[in-house]
Amino acid sequence: MKMQFPVEAFANIETPFYYYDVELLKATLDTVKREAAKYEGFHVHYAIKANFNPRLLEIISNAGIGADCVSGGEVRAALNAGVPADKVVFAGVGKTDKEIALSLDAGIFCFNVESVPEIEAIECLAAERGVVAQIAIRVNPNVGAHTHSNITTGLAENKFGVNYEQLDEVIDVVETMPHIKLIGLHFHIGSQLLVMDDFIALCCRINELQELLHEGRGMVLPHINVGGGLGIRYDFPDKYPIPDFEAYFATYANNLKLFPG
């Protein structure tokens, strides 16, 4: 698909302004849905931090895409756009009690948690409400990524997530909490990635962790959240207006060794 942005139409418009090509957005969503549908159990969420324009969120919601949020405001924006609560995931560091409470009251699908203190806060607030909160533990896989050093998030030196060597200790804590249900693992190694080798390396680490949990604890978690990171070809936006979702999803399908279910 080759597109040409109508830059000549902008000549007399005062800057700055935003131009959104809704037809390109719809074509991108169609591509995402078609490529993900080739594989059983693949679910796609849109990272609202990328753009929370209400009209765009409504189009994304109408396409059946879930939402990945990193603030209480983003959770509210997703729900207001029509994203069902059971398709909303709340990730991000530094979640406040107010944001957690909002998300619990809305009945969102899952919290992607970064630390034991965060899990303890969710347990306390869930207990007050008499509900069970579903969580996925964000694991720092210590996997490098071919992108700018300031937007890598999966190296041991990065501040995000639980170091994979500490995963057992964190699960031990979770298992003492009656209002927390561990349903998965979450990963995100960086943004603006164009080399599929980065995702293959992540798959290898995920496979290793799944085996360790299965052998050591008899545990099989039903959800593996691989985060995002697929980049945009900013150097050739007209030639490559839609990222290579075919290769992206195929990379995970071919390299992730998922347990049944």
Protein backbone atom coordinates (compact mmCIF):
# COMPACT_ATOMS: atom_id res chain seq x y z
CA MET A 1 0.00 0.00 0.00
CA LYS A 2 1.48 3.34 -1.08
CA MET A 3 0.00 6.60 0.15
CA GLN A 4 0.69 10.24 -0.53
CA PHE A 5 -0.03 12.76 2.19
CA PRO A 6 -1.69 15.93 0.82
CA VAL A 7 0.96 18.36 2.02
CA GLU A 8 -0.14 20.94 -0.57
CA ALA A 9 -3.49 21.20 1.21
CA PHE A 10 -1.72 22.43 4.33
CA ALA A 11 0.01 25.42 2.71
CA ASN A 12 -2.39 28.02 4.07
CA ILE A 13 -3.06 26.46 7.48
CA GLU A 14 -1.49 28.18 10.46
CA THR A 15 0.93 25.96 12.38
CA PRO A 16 1.11 24.05 14.60
CA PHE A 17 -1.80 21.72 13.79
CA TYR A 18 -2.52 18.00 13.71
CA TYR A 19 -3.55 16.11 10.59
CA TYR A 20 -4.97 12.62 10.97
CA ASP A 21 -5.64 10.37 7.98
CA VAL A 22 -8.63 8.35 9.17
CA GLU A 23 -8.63 6.14 6.08
CA LEU A 24 -5.02 5.17 6.74
CA LEU A 25 -5.90 4.45 10.37
CA LYS A 26 -8.74 2.16 9.25
CA ALA A 27 -6.46 0.43 6.73
CA THR A 28 -3.89 -0.09 9.49
CA LEU A 29 -6.51 -1.55 11.84
CA ASP A 30 -7.74 -3.87 9.07
CA THR A 31 -4.16 -5.07 8.51
CA VAL A 32 -3.60 -5.64 12.23
CA LYS A 33 -6.83 -7.63 12.59
CA ARG A 34 -6.18 -9.71 9.47
CA GLU A 35 -2.62 -10.63 10.43
CA ALA A 36 -3.40 -11.34 14.11
CA ALA A 37 -6.38 -13.50 13.14
CA LYS A 38 -4.04 -15.96 11.42
CA TYR A 39 -2.99 -17.24 14.85
CA GLU A 40 -5.04 -18.70 17.66
CA GLY A 41 -5.21 -16.66 20.86
CA PHE A 42 -3.52 -13.48 19.61
CA HIS A 43 -5.13 -10.35 21.09
CA VAL A 44 -4.12 -6.80 20.13
CA HIS A 45 -4.24 -3.73 22.36
CA TYR A 46 -3.62 -0.12 21.35
CA ALA A 47 -1.23 1.89 23.53
CA ILE A 48 -3.27 4.97 24.35
CA LYS A 49 -0.15 6.94 25.24
CA ALA A 50 0.52 7.12 21.49
CA ASN A 51 -2.57 9.28 20.89
CA PHE A 52 -5.74 9.70 22.95
CA ASN A 53 -7.73 11.86 20.54
CA PRO A 54 -11.34 10.81 21.35
CA ARG A 55 -12.40 10.39 17.72
CA LEU A 56 -9.41 8.20 16.94
CA LEU A 57 -9.98 6.12 20.10
CA GLU A 58 -13.58 5.56 19.07
CA ILE A 59 -12.49 4.26 15.65
CA ILE A 60 -9.96 1.95 17.30
CA SER A 61 -12.53 0.75 19.81
CA ASN A 62 -15.08 0.09 17.06
CA ALA A 63 -12.49 -2.11 15.35
CA GLY A 64 -12.53 -4.40 18.40
CA ILE A 65 -9.02 -3.51 19.57
CA GLY A 66 -8.29 -3.48 23.31
CA ALA A 67 -6.50 -0.71 25.22
CA ASP A 68 -3.15 -0.57 26.98
CA CYS A 69 -3.17 2.28 29.50
CA VAL A 70 -0.47 3.87 31.66
CA SER A 71 -2.60 6.24 33.77
CA GLY A 72 -6.02 6.51 35.31
CA GLY A 73 -6.88 9.18 32.77
CA GLU A 74 -6.07 6.76 29.96
CA VAL A 75 -8.23 4.06 31.56
CA ARG A 76 -11.11 6.55 31.68
CA ALA A 77 -10.45 7.61 28.06
CA ALA A 78 -10.54 3.98 26.90
CA LEU A 79 -13.80 3.30 28.67
CA ASN A 80 -15.34 6.53 27.38
CA ALA A 81 -14.36 5.53 23.83
CA GLY A 82 -16.30 2.29 24.22
CA VAL A 83 -13.47 -0.16 24.92
CA PRO A 84 -15.00 -2.92 27.09
CA ALA A 85 -13.47 -3.08 30.58
CA ASP A 86 -12.43 -6.69 29.95
CA LYS A 87 -10.18 -5.43 27.13
CA VAL A 88 -8.42 -2.79 29.25
CA VAL A 89 -4.96 -3.39 30.72
CA PHE A 90 -3.35 -0.91 33.11
CA ALA A 91 0.45 -0.84 32.89
CA GLY A 92 3.04 1.73 33.87
CA VAL A 93 5.09 2.70 36.89
CA GLY A 94 3.87 4.83 39.78
CA LYS A 95 0.17 3.95 39.76
CA THR A 96 -1.59 6.00 42.44
CA ASP A 97 -4.19 4.59 44.84
CA LYS A 98 -6.82 6.71 43.09
CA GLU A 99 -5.92 5.28 39.68
CA ILE A 100 -5.90 1.72 41.01
CA ALA A 101 -9.27 2.25 42.71
CA LEU A 102 -10.77 3.67 39.51
CA SER A 103 -9.58 0.63 37.58
CA LEU A 104 -10.83 -1.86 40.18
CA ASP A 105 -14.24 -0.19 40.27
CA ALA A 106 -14.41 -0.35 36.46
CA GLY A 107 -13.52 -4.05 36.49
CA ILE A 108 -10.61 -3.85 34.06
CA PHE A 109 -9.03 -7.05 32.78
CA CYS A 110 -5.57 -6.81 34.29
CA PHE A 111 -2.90 -4.72 36.01
CA ASN A 112 0.63 -5.11 34.64
CA VAL A 113 2.62 -4.73 37.87
CA GLU A 114 6.19 -3.55 38.31
CA SER A 115 7.05 -4.25 41.95
CA VAL A 116 6.03 -5.89 45.23
CA PRO A 117 4.94 -2.56 46.79
CA GLU A 118 2.59 -2.02 43.85
CA ILE A 119 1.13 -5.49 44.30
CA GLU A 120 0.63 -4.78 48.00
CA ALA A 121 -1.25 -1.56 47.19
CA ILE A 122 -3.53 -3.38 44.75
CA GLU A 123 -4.17 -6.13 47.33
CA CYS A 124 -5.17 -3.56 49.96
CA LEU A 125 -7.54 -1.67 47.66
CA ALA A 126 -9.04 -4.87 46.24
CA ALA A 127 -9.61 -6.17 49.78
CA GLU A 128 -11.51 -2.99 50.68
CA ARG A 129 -13.83 -3.67 47.75
CA GLY A 130 -14.14 -7.41 48.24
CA VAL A 131 -12.86 -8.14 44.72
CA VAL A 132 -9.99 -10.11 43.22
CA ALA A 133 -7.63 -8.17 40.95
CA GLN A 134 -5.98 -9.94 38.03
CA ILE A 135 -2.31 -9.11 37.52
CA ALA A 136 0.52 -9.86 35.13
CA ILE A 137 4.05 -9.38 36.44
CA ARG A 138 6.21 -7.21 34.22
CA VAL A 139 9.54 -8.97 33.87
CA ASN A 140 12.71 -7.20 32.82
CA PRO A 141 14.14 -9.86 30.50
CA ASN A 142 17.61 -8.28 30.09
CA VAL A 143 17.21 -8.33 26.31
CA GLY A 144 18.77 -5.58 24.20
CA ALA A 145 16.99 -3.83 21.36
CA HIS A 146 18.21 -2.12 18.19
CA THR A 147 16.81 1.33 18.89
CA HIS A 148 17.85 4.58 20.53
CA SER A 149 19.40 3.99 23.95
CA ASN A 150 16.87 6.30 25.60
CA ILE A 151 13.91 4.14 24.56
CA THR A 152 15.19 0.68 25.47
CA THR A 153 13.24 -0.76 28.39
CA GLY A 154 14.28 -4.40 28.61
CA LEU A 155 17.90 -4.26 29.82
CA ALA A 156 18.94 -5.02 33.39
CA GLU A 157 20.09 -1.41 33.74
CA ASN A 158 16.58 -0.12 32.88
CA LYS A 159 14.22 0.77 35.71
CA PHE A 160 11.21 -1.17 34.44
CA GLY A 161 9.79 -4.37 35.83
CA VAL A 162 11.03 -7.19 38.04
CA ASN A 163 14.45 -8.69 37.24
CA TYR A 164 13.81 -12.17 35.92
CA GLU A 165 16.07 -13.67 38.60
CA GLN A 166 13.64 -12.31 41.23
CA LEU A 167 10.47 -13.66 39.65
CA ASP A 168 10.19 -16.63 42.03
CA GLU A 169 10.40 -14.35 45.07
CA VAL A 170 7.67 -12.08 43.73
CA ILE A 171 5.38 -15.01 42.97
CA ASP A 172 5.91 -16.25 46.54
CA VAL A 173 4.57 -12.89 47.78
CA VAL A 174 1.63 -12.94 45.37
CA GLU A 175 0.57 -16.39 46.57
CA THR A 176 0.04 -15.00 50.09
CA MET A 177 -2.50 -12.44 48.86
CA PRO A 178 -6.16 -13.56 48.68
CA HIS A 179 -7.30 -10.61 46.54
CA ILE A 180 -4.67 -11.01 43.82
CA LYS A 181 -4.80 -13.50 40.96
CA LEU A 182 -1.65 -13.95 38.87
CA ILE A 183 -2.71 -14.62 35.27
CA GLY A 184 0.38 -13.80 33.22
CA LEU A 185 3.72 -12.22 32.47
CA HIS A 186 4.29 -8.89 30.75
CA PHE A 187 7.31 -7.75 28.74
CA HIS A 188 8.30 -4.66 26.76
CA ILE A 189 11.86 -4.30 25.47
CA GLY A 190 11.66 -0.90 23.78
CA SER A 191 10.05 1.32 21.17
CA GLN A 192 10.62 1.99 17.48
CA LEU A 193 12.03 -1.47 16.72
CA LEU A 194 12.43 -2.42 13.07
CA VAL A 195 14.57 -5.57 13.39
CA MET A 196 12.64 -8.78 14.02
CA ASP A 197 15.73 -10.30 15.67
CA ASP A 198 14.91 -8.20 18.74
CA PHE A 199 11.55 -9.94 19.10
CA ILE A 200 13.11 -13.36 18.51
CA ALA A 201 15.52 -12.71 21.40
CA LEU A 202 12.55 -11.77 23.59
CA CYS A 203 10.75 -14.99 22.59
CA CYS A 204 13.76 -17.04 23.65
CA ARG A 205 13.77 -15.43 27.09
CA ILE A 206 10.00 -15.88 27.48
CA ASN A 207 10.32 -19.55 26.52
CA GLU A 208 13.04 -19.97 29.13
CA LEU A 209 10.91 -18.35 31.86
CA GLN A 210 7.86 -20.42 30.99
CA GLU A 211 9.91 -23.61 31.28
CA LEU A 212 11.38 -22.52 34.63
CA LEU A 213 7.93 -21.80 36.05
CA HIS A 214 6.55 -25.08 34.74
CA GLU A 215 9.45 -27.20 36.00
CA GLY A 216 9.99 -25.39 39.29
CA ARG A 217 6.44 -24.60 40.34
CA GLY A 218 4.18 -26.65 38.07
CA MET A 219 2.81 -23.28 36.90
CA VAL A 220 1.44 -22.48 33.46
CA LEU A 221 0.22 -18.90 33.12
CA PRO A 222 -2.56 -18.37 30.54
CA HIS A 223 -1.47 -14.91 29.34
CA ILE A 224 1.84 -13.80 27.85
CA ASN A 225 1.89 -10.07 27.07
CA VAL A 226 4.78 -9.29 24.74
CA GLY A 227 4.30 -5.53 24.85
CA GLY A 228 4.83 -3.58 21.66
CA GLY A 229 7.69 -1.81 19.98
CA LEU A 230 7.14 -2.36 16.25
CA GLY A 231 8.47 0.80 14.64
CA ILE A 232 7.36 3.22 11.95
CA ARG A 233 9.45 3.88 8.84
CA TYR A 234 9.77 7.61 9.37
CA ASP A 235 12.40 7.76 6.62
CA PHE A 236 9.90 6.54 3.98
CA PRO A 237 6.41 7.38 5.31
CA ASP A 238 4.75 7.38 1.88
CA LYS A 239 6.32 4.10 0.79
CA TYR A 240 5.70 2.24 4.06
CA PRO A 241 2.62 3.86 5.66
CA ILE A 242 1.66 0.65 7.51
CA PRO A 243 4.23 -1.24 9.62
CA ASP A 244 5.08 -4.84 8.74
CA PHE A 245 2.50 -6.53 10.96
CA GLU A 246 2.68 -9.71 8.85
CA ALA A 247 6.32 -10.29 9.83
CA TYR A 248 5.71 -9.07 13.39
CA PHE A 249 2.95 -11.53 14.26
CA ALA A 250 4.65 -14.35 12.32
CA THR A 251 7.82 -13.81 14.37
CA TYR A 252 5.95 -14.48 17.61
CA ALA A 253 3.95 -17.36 16.13
CA ASN A 254 7.15 -19.06 14.94
CA ASN A 255 9.32 -18.43 18.00
CA LEU A 256 7.12 -18.39 21.09
CA LYS A 257 6.73 -21.89 22.54
CA LEU A 258 3.39 -21.48 24.27
CA PHE A 259 1.83 -24.14 26.45
CA PRO A 260 -1.64 -25.39 25.41
CA GLY A 261 -4.34 -22.87 26.25
